[in-house]
Amino acid sequence: MSGGSGIKACALCGRAFFGTSEDMACGDCEGRYRRLRDQVREYLWHQPGQVASIDQISADLGVPMKIMRELMKDPRFKGKEID
């Protein structure tokens, strides 16, 4: 495990779960979270060198803003050009 472990809130359902600093979703939501994260990553892959707003990504992919804000907290998106 990387980073510290502790109690976290699931990015999708809000339930508490035990996870590392990289874990963003509880066991029940992990599959859905990975699919959403992969959708955003694929979207950004096809936008090289451009800054994408979370409003635009949300509208284009149909992902609710609440979930987009949580996705942007994911350490895997650090350093990406997202406004």
PDB file of N, CA and C in Angstrom:
ATOM      1  N   MET A   1       0.831  -1.177   0.000  1.00  0.00           N
ATOM      2  CA  MET A   1       0.000   0.000   0.000  1.00  0.00           C
ATOM      3  C   MET A   1       0.877   1.242   0.000  1.00  0.00           C
ATOM      4  N   SER A   2       0.477   2.226  -0.783  1.00  0.00           N
ATOM      5  CA  SER A   2       1.217   3.486  -0.773  1.00  0.00           C
ATOM      6  C   SER A   2       0.433   4.524   0.003  1.00  0.00           C
ATOM      7  N   GLY A   3       1.141   5.442   0.626  1.00  0.00           N
ATOM      8  CA  GLY A   3       0.469   6.476   1.397  1.00  0.00           C
ATOM      9  C   GLY A   3      -0.090   5.909   2.685  1.00  0.00           C
ATOM     10  N   GLY A   4      -0.676   6.776   3.474  1.00  0.00           N
ATOM     11  CA  GLY A   4      -1.257   6.355   4.738  1.00  0.00           C
ATOM     12  C   GLY A   4      -2.616   5.720   4.543  1.00  0.00           C
ATOM     13  N   SER A   5      -2.998   4.913   5.510  1.00  0.00           N
ATOM     14  CA  SER A   5      -4.310   4.280   5.491  1.00  0.00           C
ATOM     15  C   SER A   5      -5.188   4.938   6.537  1.00  0.00           C
ATOM     16  N   GLY A   6      -6.477   4.898   6.313  1.00  0.00           N
ATOM     17  CA  GLY A   6      -7.394   5.468   7.287  1.00  0.00           C
ATOM     18  C   GLY A   6      -8.826   5.420   6.798  1.00  0.00           C
ATOM     19  N   ILE A   7      -9.705   6.033   7.558  1.00  0.00           N
ATOM     20  CA  ILE A   7     -11.123   6.103   7.218  1.00  0.00           C
ATOM     21  C   ILE A   7     -11.307   7.228   6.197  1.00  0.00           C
ATOM     22  N   LYS A   8     -12.024   6.923   5.126  1.00  0.00           N
ATOM     23  CA  LYS A   8     -12.287   7.890   4.056  1.00  0.00           C
ATOM     24  C   LYS A   8     -13.767   7.857   3.717  1.00  0.00           C
ATOM     25  N   ALA A   9     -14.227   8.864   2.998  1.00  0.00           N
ATOM     26  CA  ALA A   9     -15.600   8.889   2.489  1.00  0.00           C
ATOM     27  C   ALA A   9     -15.556   8.507   1.015  1.00  0.00           C
ATOM     28  N   CYS A  10     -16.428   7.613   0.599  1.00  0.00           N
ATOM     29  CA  CYS A  10     -16.512   7.185  -0.796  1.00  0.00           C
ATOM     30  C   CYS A  10     -16.899   8.371  -1.678  1.00  0.00           C
ATOM     31  N   ALA A  11     -16.182   8.543  -2.785  1.00  0.00           N
ATOM     32  CA  ALA A  11     -16.439   9.646  -3.715  1.00  0.00           C
ATOM     33  C   ALA A  11     -17.807   9.538  -4.382  1.00  0.00           C
ATOM     34  N   LEU A  12     -18.365   8.338  -4.453  1.00  0.00           N
ATOM     35  CA  LEU A  12     -19.645   8.166  -5.142  1.00  0.00           C
ATOM     36  C   LEU A  12     -20.846   8.105  -4.196  1.00  0.00           C
ATOM     37  N   CYS A  13     -20.754   7.277  -3.150  1.00  0.00           N
ATOM     38  CA  CYS A  13     -21.925   7.106  -2.276  1.00  0.00           C
ATOM     39  C   CYS A  13     -21.787   7.826  -0.939  1.00  0.00           C
ATOM     40  N   GLY A  14     -20.573   8.268  -0.599  1.00  0.00           N
ATOM     41  CA  GLY A  14     -20.358   8.998   0.639  1.00  0.00           C
ATOM     42  C   GLY A  14     -20.170   8.140   1.874  1.00  0.00           C
ATOM     43  N   ARG A  15     -20.313   6.819   1.751  1.00  0.00           N
ATOM     44  CA  ARG A  15     -20.141   5.944   2.911  1.00  0.00           C
ATOM     45  C   ARG A  15     -18.686   5.913   3.350  1.00  0.00           C
ATOM     46  N   ALA A  16     -18.472   5.709   4.628  1.00  0.00           N
ATOM     47  CA  ALA A  16     -17.120   5.599   5.173  1.00  0.00           C
ATOM     48  C   ALA A  16     -16.544   4.225   4.829  1.00  0.00           C
ATOM     49  N   PHE A  17     -15.249   4.206   4.527  1.00  0.00           N
ATOM     50  CA  PHE A  17     -14.553   2.944   4.280  1.00  0.00           C
ATOM     51  C   PHE A  17     -13.100   3.123   4.676  1.00  0.00           C
ATOM     52  N   PHE A  18     -12.403   2.028   4.860  1.00  0.00           N
ATOM     53  CA  PHE A  18     -10.990   2.058   5.217  1.00  0.00           C
ATOM     54  C   PHE A  18     -10.188   1.935   3.934  1.00  0.00           C
ATOM     55  N   GLY A  19      -9.291   2.915   3.687  1.00  0.00           N
ATOM     56  CA  GLY A  19      -8.507   2.858   2.461  1.00  0.00           C
ATOM     57  C   GLY A  19      -7.229   3.663   2.559  1.00  0.00           C
ATOM     58  N   THR A  20      -6.441   3.590   1.486  1.00  0.00           N
ATOM     59  CA  THR A  20      -5.187   4.337   1.410  1.00  0.00           C
ATOM     60  C   THR A  20      -5.454   5.704   0.799  1.00  0.00           C
ATOM     61  N   SER A  21      -4.413   6.521   0.700  1.00  0.00           N
ATOM     62  CA  SER A  21      -4.570   7.855   0.131  1.00  0.00           C
ATOM     63  C   SER A  21      -4.991   7.805  -1.341  1.00  0.00           C
ATOM     64  N   GLU A  22      -4.732   6.707  -2.028  1.00  0.00           N
ATOM     65  CA  GLU A  22      -5.109   6.586  -3.436  1.00  0.00           C
ATOM     66  C   GLU A  22      -6.512   6.022  -3.633  1.00  0.00           C
ATOM     67  N   ASP A  23      -7.087   5.392  -2.617  1.00  0.00           N
ATOM     68  CA  ASP A  23      -8.424   4.820  -2.727  1.00  0.00           C
ATOM     69  C   ASP A  23      -9.460   5.936  -2.690  1.00  0.00           C
ATOM     70  N   MET A  24     -10.342   5.955  -3.669  1.00  0.00           N
ATOM     71  CA  MET A  24     -11.346   7.007  -3.753  1.00  0.00           C
ATOM     72  C   MET A  24     -12.772   6.485  -3.557  1.00  0.00           C
ATOM     73  N   ALA A  25     -12.978   5.178  -3.662  1.00  0.00           N
ATOM     74  CA  ALA A  25     -14.332   4.627  -3.581  1.00  0.00           C
ATOM     75  C   ALA A  25     -14.347   3.370  -2.721  1.00  0.00           C
ATOM     76  N   CYS A  26     -15.486   3.128  -2.108  1.00  0.00           N
ATOM     77  CA  CYS A  26     -15.663   1.926  -1.293  1.00  0.00           C
ATOM     78  C   CYS A  26     -15.712   0.692  -2.199  1.00  0.00           C
ATOM     79  N   GLY A  27     -15.676  -0.473  -1.606  1.00  0.00           N
ATOM     80  CA  GLY A  27     -15.695  -1.716  -2.373  1.00  0.00           C
ATOM     81  C   GLY A  27     -16.909  -1.850  -3.275  1.00  0.00           C
ATOM     82  N   ASP A  28     -18.070  -1.390  -2.805  1.00  0.00           N
ATOM     83  CA  ASP A  28     -19.289  -1.486  -3.610  1.00  0.00           C
ATOM     84  C   ASP A  28     -19.255  -0.581  -4.838  1.00  0.00           C
ATOM     85  N   CYS A  29     -18.577   0.554  -4.747  1.00  0.00           N
ATOM     86  CA  CYS A  29     -18.564   1.554  -5.821  1.00  0.00           C
ATOM     87  C   CYS A  29     -17.290   1.536  -6.666  1.00  0.00           C
ATOM     88  N   GLU A  30     -16.299   0.756  -6.285  1.00  0.00           N
ATOM     89  CA  GLU A  30     -14.993   0.791  -6.945  1.00  0.00           C
ATOM     90  C   GLU A  30     -15.078   0.554  -8.450  1.00  0.00           C
ATOM     91  N   GLY A  31     -15.847  -0.415  -8.892  1.00  0.00           N
ATOM     92  CA  GLY A  31     -15.970  -0.702 -10.324  1.00  0.00           C
ATOM     93  C   GLY A  31     -16.551   0.479 -11.091  1.00  0.00           C
ATOM     94  N   ARG A  32     -17.614   1.067 -10.575  1.00  0.00           N
ATOM     95  CA  ARG A  32     -18.223   2.231 -11.220  1.00  0.00           C
ATOM     96  C   ARG A  32     -17.246   3.406 -11.230  1.00  0.00           C
ATOM     97  N   TYR A  33     -16.551   3.602 -10.110  1.00  0.00           N
ATOM     98  CA  TYR A  33     -15.582   4.698 -10.025  1.00  0.00           C
ATOM     99  C   TYR A  33     -14.482   4.526 -11.071  1.00  0.00           C
ATOM    100  N   ARG A  34     -13.948   3.320 -11.202  1.00  0.00           N
ATOM    101  CA  ARG A  34     -12.892   3.063 -12.199  1.00  0.00           C
ATOM    102  C   ARG A  34     -13.379   3.336 -13.607  1.00  0.00           C
ATOM    103  N   ARG A  35     -14.619   2.932 -13.910  1.00  0.00           N
ATOM    104  CA  ARG A  35     -15.172   3.190 -15.252  1.00  0.00           C
ATOM    105  C   ARG A  35     -15.278   4.687 -15.519  1.00  0.00           C
ATOM    106  N   LEU A  36     -15.780   5.448 -14.536  1.00  0.00           N
ATOM    107  CA  LEU A  36     -15.885   6.903 -14.694  1.00  0.00           C
ATOM    108  C   LEU A  36     -14.509   7.534 -14.855  1.00  0.00           C
ATOM    109  N   ARG A  37     -13.563   7.118 -14.022  1.00  0.00           N
ATOM    110  CA  ARG A  37     -12.202   7.645 -14.107  1.00  0.00           C
ATOM    111  C   ARG A  37     -11.587   7.337 -15.478  1.00  0.00           C
ATOM    112  N   ASP A  38     -11.816   6.130 -15.972  1.00  0.00           N
ATOM    113  CA  ASP A  38     -11.290   5.758 -17.289  1.00  0.00           C
ATOM    114  C   ASP A  38     -11.932   6.576 -18.406  1.00  0.00           C
ATOM    115  N   GLN A  39     -13.228   6.883 -18.267  1.00  0.00           N
ATOM    116  CA  GLN A  39     -13.912   7.736 -19.254  1.00  0.00           C
ATOM    117  C   GLN A  39     -13.265   9.113 -19.300  1.00  0.00           C
ATOM    118  N   VAL A  40     -13.013   9.692 -18.127  1.00  0.00           N
ATOM    119  CA  VAL A  40     -12.404  11.021 -18.064  1.00  0.00           C
ATOM    120  C   VAL A  40     -10.980  10.966 -18.607  1.00  0.00           C
ATOM    121  N   ARG A  41     -10.228   9.949 -18.248  1.00  0.00           N
ATOM    122  CA  ARG A  41      -8.851   9.814 -18.734  1.00  0.00           C
ATOM    123  C   ARG A  41      -8.836   9.693 -20.268  1.00  0.00           C
ATOM    124  N   GLU A  42      -9.733   8.914 -20.813  1.00  0.00           N
ATOM    125  CA  GLU A  42      -9.821   8.760 -22.278  1.00  0.00           C
ATOM    126  C   GLU A  42     -10.195  10.090 -22.939  1.00  0.00           C
ATOM    127  N   TYR A  43     -11.130  10.799 -22.337  1.00  0.00           N
ATOM    128  CA  TYR A  43     -11.533  12.117 -22.841  1.00  0.00           C
ATOM    129  C   TYR A  43     -10.326  13.051 -22.892  1.00  0.00           C
ATOM    130  N   LEU A  44      -9.572  13.099 -21.787  1.00  0.00           N
ATOM    131  CA  LEU A  44      -8.409  13.976 -21.711  1.00  0.00           C
ATOM    132  C   LEU A  44      -7.307  13.544 -22.675  1.00  0.00           C
ATOM    133  N   TRP A  45      -7.180  12.245 -22.891  1.00  0.00           N
ATOM    134  CA  TRP A  45      -6.182  11.721 -23.823  1.00  0.00           C
ATOM    135  C   TRP A  45      -6.410  12.284 -25.226  1.00  0.00           C
ATOM    136  N   HIS A  46      -7.675  12.449 -25.588  1.00  0.00           N
ATOM    137  CA  HIS A  46      -8.021  12.954 -26.924  1.00  0.00           C
ATOM    138  C   HIS A  46      -8.067  14.482 -26.979  1.00  0.00           C
ATOM    139  N   GLN A  47      -7.613  15.148 -25.926  1.00  0.00           N
ATOM    140  CA  GLN A  47      -7.563  16.609 -25.860  1.00  0.00           C
ATOM    141  C   GLN A  47      -6.130  17.063 -25.549  1.00  0.00           C
ATOM    142  N   PRO A  48      -5.110  16.553 -26.233  1.00  0.00           N
ATOM    143  CA  PRO A  48      -3.728  16.875 -25.849  1.00  0.00           C
ATOM    144  C   PRO A  48      -3.426  18.370 -25.951  1.00  0.00           C
ATOM    145  N   GLY A  49      -2.751  18.875 -24.922  1.00  0.00           N
ATOM    146  CA  GLY A  49      -2.334  20.273 -24.928  1.00  0.00           C
ATOM    147  C   GLY A  49      -3.444  21.271 -24.677  1.00  0.00           C
ATOM    148  N   GLN A  50      -4.644  20.805 -24.410  1.00  0.00           N
ATOM    149  CA  GLN A  50      -5.768  21.709 -24.166  1.00  0.00           C
ATOM    150  C   GLN A  50      -6.148  21.648 -22.692  1.00  0.00           C
ATOM    151  N   VAL A  51      -6.656  22.749 -22.186  1.00  0.00           N
ATOM    152  CA  VAL A  51      -7.175  22.780 -20.825  1.00  0.00           C
ATOM    153  C   VAL A  51      -8.664  22.483 -20.909  1.00  0.00           C
ATOM    154  N   ALA A  52      -9.093  21.464 -20.166  1.00  0.00           N
ATOM    155  CA  ALA A  52     -10.504  21.092 -20.159  1.00  0.00           C
ATOM    156  C   ALA A  52     -11.110  21.510 -18.823  1.00  0.00           C
ATOM    157  N   SER A  53     -12.238  22.195 -18.871  1.00  0.00           N
ATOM    158  CA  SER A  53     -12.920  22.556 -17.626  1.00  0.00           C
ATOM    159  C   SER A  53     -13.745  21.359 -17.161  1.00  0.00           C
ATOM    160  N   ILE A  54     -13.942  21.263 -15.841  1.00  0.00           N
ATOM    161  CA  ILE A  54     -14.756  20.151 -15.368  1.00  0.00           C
ATOM    162  C   ILE A  54     -16.206  20.318 -15.813  1.00  0.00           C
ATOM    163  N   ASP A  55     -16.638  21.562 -16.039  1.00  0.00           N
ATOM    164  CA  ASP A  55     -17.989  21.786 -16.570  1.00  0.00           C
ATOM    165  C   ASP A  55     -18.123  21.161 -17.954  1.00  0.00           C
ATOM    166  N   GLN A  56     -17.110  21.375 -18.798  1.00  0.00           N
ATOM    167  CA  GLN A  56     -17.150  20.837 -20.163  1.00  0.00           C
ATOM    168  C   GLN A  56     -17.074  19.315 -20.162  1.00  0.00           C
ATOM    169  N   ILE A  57     -16.181  18.767 -19.346  1.00  0.00           N
ATOM    170  CA  ILE A  57     -16.060  17.304 -19.269  1.00  0.00           C
ATOM    171  C   ILE A  57     -17.367  16.703 -18.771  1.00  0.00           C
ATOM    172  N   SER A  58     -17.945  17.321 -17.737  1.00  0.00           N
ATOM    173  CA  SER A  58     -19.211  16.852 -17.181  1.00  0.00           C
ATOM    174  C   SER A  58     -20.305  16.838 -18.250  1.00  0.00           C
ATOM    175  N   ALA A  59     -20.413  17.932 -19.002  1.00  0.00           N
ATOM    176  CA  ALA A  59     -21.437  18.030 -20.044  1.00  0.00           C
ATOM    177  C   ALA A  59     -21.188  17.019 -21.160  1.00  0.00           C
ATOM    178  N   ASP A  60     -19.945  16.909 -21.608  1.00  0.00           N
ATOM    179  CA  ASP A  60     -19.629  16.006 -22.720  1.00  0.00           C
ATOM    180  C   ASP A  60     -19.808  14.537 -22.359  1.00  0.00           C
ATOM    181  N   LEU A  61     -19.482  14.174 -21.120  1.00  0.00           N
ATOM    182  CA  LEU A  61     -19.554  12.765 -20.716  1.00  0.00           C
ATOM    183  C   LEU A  61     -20.826  12.405 -19.961  1.00  0.00           C
ATOM    184  N   GLY A  62     -21.601  13.418 -19.553  1.00  0.00           N
ATOM    185  CA  GLY A  62     -22.817  13.145 -18.792  1.00  0.00           C
ATOM    186  C   GLY A  62     -22.537  12.689 -17.363  1.00  0.00           C
ATOM    187  N   VAL A  63     -21.393  13.101 -16.818  1.00  0.00           N
ATOM    188  CA  VAL A  63     -21.023  12.771 -15.439  1.00  0.00           C
ATOM    189  C   VAL A  63     -21.445  13.940 -14.559  1.00  0.00           C
ATOM    190  N   PRO A  64     -22.228  13.691 -13.504  1.00  0.00           N
ATOM    191  CA  PRO A  64     -22.669  14.785 -12.638  1.00  0.00           C
ATOM    192  C   PRO A  64     -21.490  15.569 -12.059  1.00  0.00           C
ATOM    193  N   MET A  65     -21.679  16.885 -11.884  1.00  0.00           N
ATOM    194  CA  MET A  65     -20.620  17.751 -11.372  1.00  0.00           C
ATOM    195  C   MET A  65     -20.109  17.297 -10.006  1.00  0.00           C
ATOM    196  N   LYS A  66     -20.984  16.826  -9.144  1.00  0.00           N
ATOM    197  CA  LYS A  66     -20.560  16.359  -7.824  1.00  0.00           C
ATOM    198  C   LYS A  66     -19.508  15.264  -7.974  1.00  0.00           C
ATOM    199  N   ILE A  67     -19.738  14.354  -8.885  1.00  0.00           N
ATOM    200  CA  ILE A  67     -18.796  13.259  -9.106  1.00  0.00           C
ATOM    201  C   ILE A  67     -17.544  13.768  -9.807  1.00  0.00           C
ATOM    202  N   MET A  68     -17.693  14.722 -10.732  1.00  0.00           N
ATOM    203  CA  MET A  68     -16.514  15.289 -11.401  1.00  0.00           C
ATOM    204  C   MET A  68     -15.590  15.945 -10.377  1.00  0.00           C
ATOM    205  N   ARG A  69     -16.156  16.675  -9.422  1.00  0.00           N
ATOM    206  CA  ARG A  69     -15.326  17.326  -8.399  1.00  0.00           C
ATOM    207  C   ARG A  69     -14.566  16.285  -7.584  1.00  0.00           C
ATOM    208  N   GLU A  70     -15.210  15.172  -7.281  1.00  0.00           N
ATOM    209  CA  GLU A  70     -14.536  14.105  -6.542  1.00  0.00           C
ATOM    210  C   GLU A  70     -13.458  13.442  -7.405  1.00  0.00           C
ATOM    211  N   LEU A  71     -13.748  13.234  -8.682  1.00  0.00           N
ATOM    212  CA  LEU A  71     -12.752  12.641  -9.581  1.00  0.00           C
ATOM    213  C   LEU A  71     -11.502  13.507  -9.670  1.00  0.00           C
ATOM    214  N   MET A  72     -11.681  14.831  -9.652  1.00  0.00           N
ATOM    215  CA  MET A  72     -10.536  15.729  -9.773  1.00  0.00           C
ATOM    216  C   MET A  72      -9.646  15.702  -8.533  1.00  0.00           C
ATOM    217  N   LYS A  73     -10.145  15.160  -7.423  1.00  0.00           N
ATOM    218  CA  LYS A  73      -9.337  14.992  -6.218  1.00  0.00           C
ATOM    219  C   LYS A  73      -8.456  13.747  -6.299  1.00  0.00           C
ATOM    220  N   ASP A  74      -8.732  12.888  -7.277  1.00  0.00           N
ATOM    221  CA  ASP A  74      -7.983  11.641  -7.420  1.00  0.00           C
ATOM    222  C   ASP A  74      -6.514  11.949  -7.684  1.00  0.00           C
ATOM    223  N   PRO A  75      -5.618  11.366  -6.903  1.00  0.00           N
ATOM    224  CA  PRO A  75      -4.188  11.646  -7.106  1.00  0.00           C
ATOM    225  C   PRO A  75      -3.692  11.291  -8.504  1.00  0.00           C
ATOM    226  N   ARG A  76      -4.383  10.436  -9.216  1.00  0.00           N
ATOM    227  CA  ARG A  76      -3.968  10.049 -10.566  1.00  0.00           C
ATOM    228  C   ARG A  76      -4.145  11.188 -11.579  1.00  0.00           C
ATOM    229  N   PHE A  77      -4.943  12.218 -11.232  1.00  0.00           N
ATOM    230  CA  PHE A  77      -5.149  13.347 -12.116  1.00  0.00           C
ATOM    231  C   PHE A  77      -4.271  14.550 -11.749  1.00  0.00           C
ATOM    232  N   LYS A  78      -3.446  14.429 -10.732  1.00  0.00           N
ATOM    233  CA  LYS A  78      -2.569  15.538 -10.332  1.00  0.00           C
ATOM    234  C   LYS A  78      -1.655  15.904 -11.495  1.00  0.00           C
ATOM    235  N   GLY A  79      -1.531  17.202 -11.736  1.00  0.00           N
ATOM    236  CA  GLY A  79      -0.655  17.680 -12.793  1.00  0.00           C
ATOM    237  C   GLY A  79      -1.283  17.700 -14.173  1.00  0.00           C
ATOM    238  N   LYS A  80      -2.523  17.264 -14.288  1.00  0.00           N
ATOM    239  CA  LYS A  80      -3.212  17.290 -15.584  1.00  0.00           C
ATOM    240  C   LYS A  80      -3.777  18.682 -15.815  1.00  0.00           C
ATOM    241  N   GLU A  81      -3.954  19.041 -17.066  1.00  0.00           N
ATOM    242  CA  GLU A  81      -4.468  20.371 -17.398  1.00  0.00           C
ATOM    243  C   GLU A  81      -5.982  20.379 -17.357  1.00  0.00           C
ATOM    244  N   ILE A  82      -6.502  20.467 -16.151  1.00  0.00           N
ATOM    245  CA  ILE A  82      -7.947  20.523 -15.936  1.00  0.00           C
ATOM    246  C   ILE A  82      -8.227  21.778 -15.144  1.00  0.00           C
ATOM    247  N   ASP A  83      -9.155  22.553 -15.599  1.00  0.00           N
ATOM    248  CA  ASP A  83      -9.481  23.827 -14.961  1.00  0.00           C
ATOM    249  C   ASP A  83     -10.691  23.669 -14.076  1.00  0.00           C
TER     250      ASP A  83
END
